[in-house]
Amino acid sequence: MKPEEIRALRHRLKMSPLEFSEFLAMSGYNSFNNLEIGFRNPNKLALKLLRYISSLSQTKALTFIQEFNRHGEK
């Protein structure tokens, strides 16, 4: 997935870089920013998640992200 596709997906879902980095279990904004500018590539799991949510409607993608994030709470 290209950097501009990642950025477009985040914009389509109306998520901030910080929210998106938390969904991808990244260490923060700077790590995620590196994906959006193409300095870094997503790992295999992140790439699968990105491809999956990009195939969903906005509503279904946001529901999936909300449910996925719920499993990361302590």
Protein backbone atom coordinates (compact mmCIF):
# COMPACT_ATOMS: atom_id res chain seq x y z
CA MET A 1 0.00 0.00 0.00
CA LYS A 2 1.46 3.33 -1.05
CA PRO A 3 1.88 6.24 1.38
CA GLU A 4 -0.75 8.31 -0.41
CA GLU A 5 -3.21 5.40 -0.15
CA ILE A 6 -2.62 5.18 3.60
CA ARG A 7 -3.18 8.93 3.96
CA ALA A 8 -6.31 8.79 1.79
CA LEU A 9 -7.70 5.91 3.87
CA ARG A 10 -7.09 7.81 7.10
CA HIS A 11 -8.80 10.88 5.65
CA ARG A 12 -11.74 8.80 4.39
CA LEU A 13 -12.21 7.45 7.91
CA LYS A 14 -11.84 10.97 9.37
CA MET A 15 -9.20 9.80 11.84
CA SER A 16 -6.27 11.79 13.16
CA PRO A 17 -2.73 10.46 12.67
CA LEU A 18 -2.60 9.69 16.39
CA GLU A 19 -5.87 7.72 16.30
CA PHE A 20 -4.68 5.77 13.27
CA SER A 21 -1.29 5.05 14.84
CA GLU A 22 -3.03 3.72 17.96
CA PHE A 23 -5.20 1.45 15.79
CA LEU A 24 -2.05 0.07 14.12
CA ALA A 25 -0.38 -0.31 17.55
CA MET A 26 2.42 2.04 16.55
CA SER A 27 4.42 4.00 19.09
CA GLY A 28 2.94 7.34 18.10
CA TYR A 29 2.51 10.10 15.59
CA ASN A 30 6.10 10.14 14.34
CA SER A 31 6.09 6.43 13.51
CA PHE A 32 2.81 6.76 11.66
CA ASN A 33 3.97 9.91 9.88
CA ASN A 34 6.89 7.88 8.53
CA LEU A 35 4.33 5.60 6.83
CA GLU A 36 2.43 8.50 5.30
CA ILE A 37 5.56 10.10 3.87
CA GLY A 38 6.97 6.80 2.61
CA PHE A 39 10.02 6.74 4.86
CA ARG A 40 8.88 3.47 6.37
CA ASN A 41 6.73 0.55 5.17
CA PRO A 42 3.99 -1.04 7.28
CA ASN A 43 4.75 -4.44 8.73
CA LYS A 44 2.87 -7.45 7.33
CA LEU A 45 0.10 -7.40 9.94
CA ALA A 46 -0.46 -3.65 9.58
CA LEU A 47 -0.52 -4.02 5.80
CA LYS A 48 -3.18 -6.74 6.03
CA LEU A 49 -5.26 -4.57 8.37
CA LEU A 50 -4.93 -1.57 6.08
CA ARG A 51 -5.94 -3.58 3.02
CA TYR A 52 -8.88 -5.12 4.88
CA ILE A 53 -10.31 -1.86 6.22
CA SER A 54 -9.78 -0.16 2.86
CA SER A 55 -12.08 -2.79 1.33
CA LEU A 56 -14.89 -1.94 3.77
CA SER A 57 -17.40 0.87 3.72
CA GLN A 58 -16.61 3.77 6.03
CA THR A 59 -19.19 2.64 8.59
CA LYS A 60 -18.02 -0.97 8.62
CA ALA A 61 -14.36 0.07 8.77
CA LEU A 62 -14.96 2.35 11.75
CA THR A 63 -16.98 -0.36 13.51
CA PHE A 64 -14.17 -2.84 12.92
CA ILE A 65 -11.55 -0.38 14.23
CA GLN A 66 -13.64 0.36 17.32
CA GLU A 67 -14.05 -3.36 18.05
CA PHE A 68 -10.40 -4.09 17.30
CA ASN A 69 -9.26 -1.30 19.65
CA ARG A 70 -11.54 -2.58 22.39
CA HIS A 71 -9.48 -5.79 22.54
CA GLY A 72 -6.34 -3.79 23.24
CA GLU A 73 -7.74 -2.18 26.39
CA LYS A 74 -6.51 -3.44 29.72
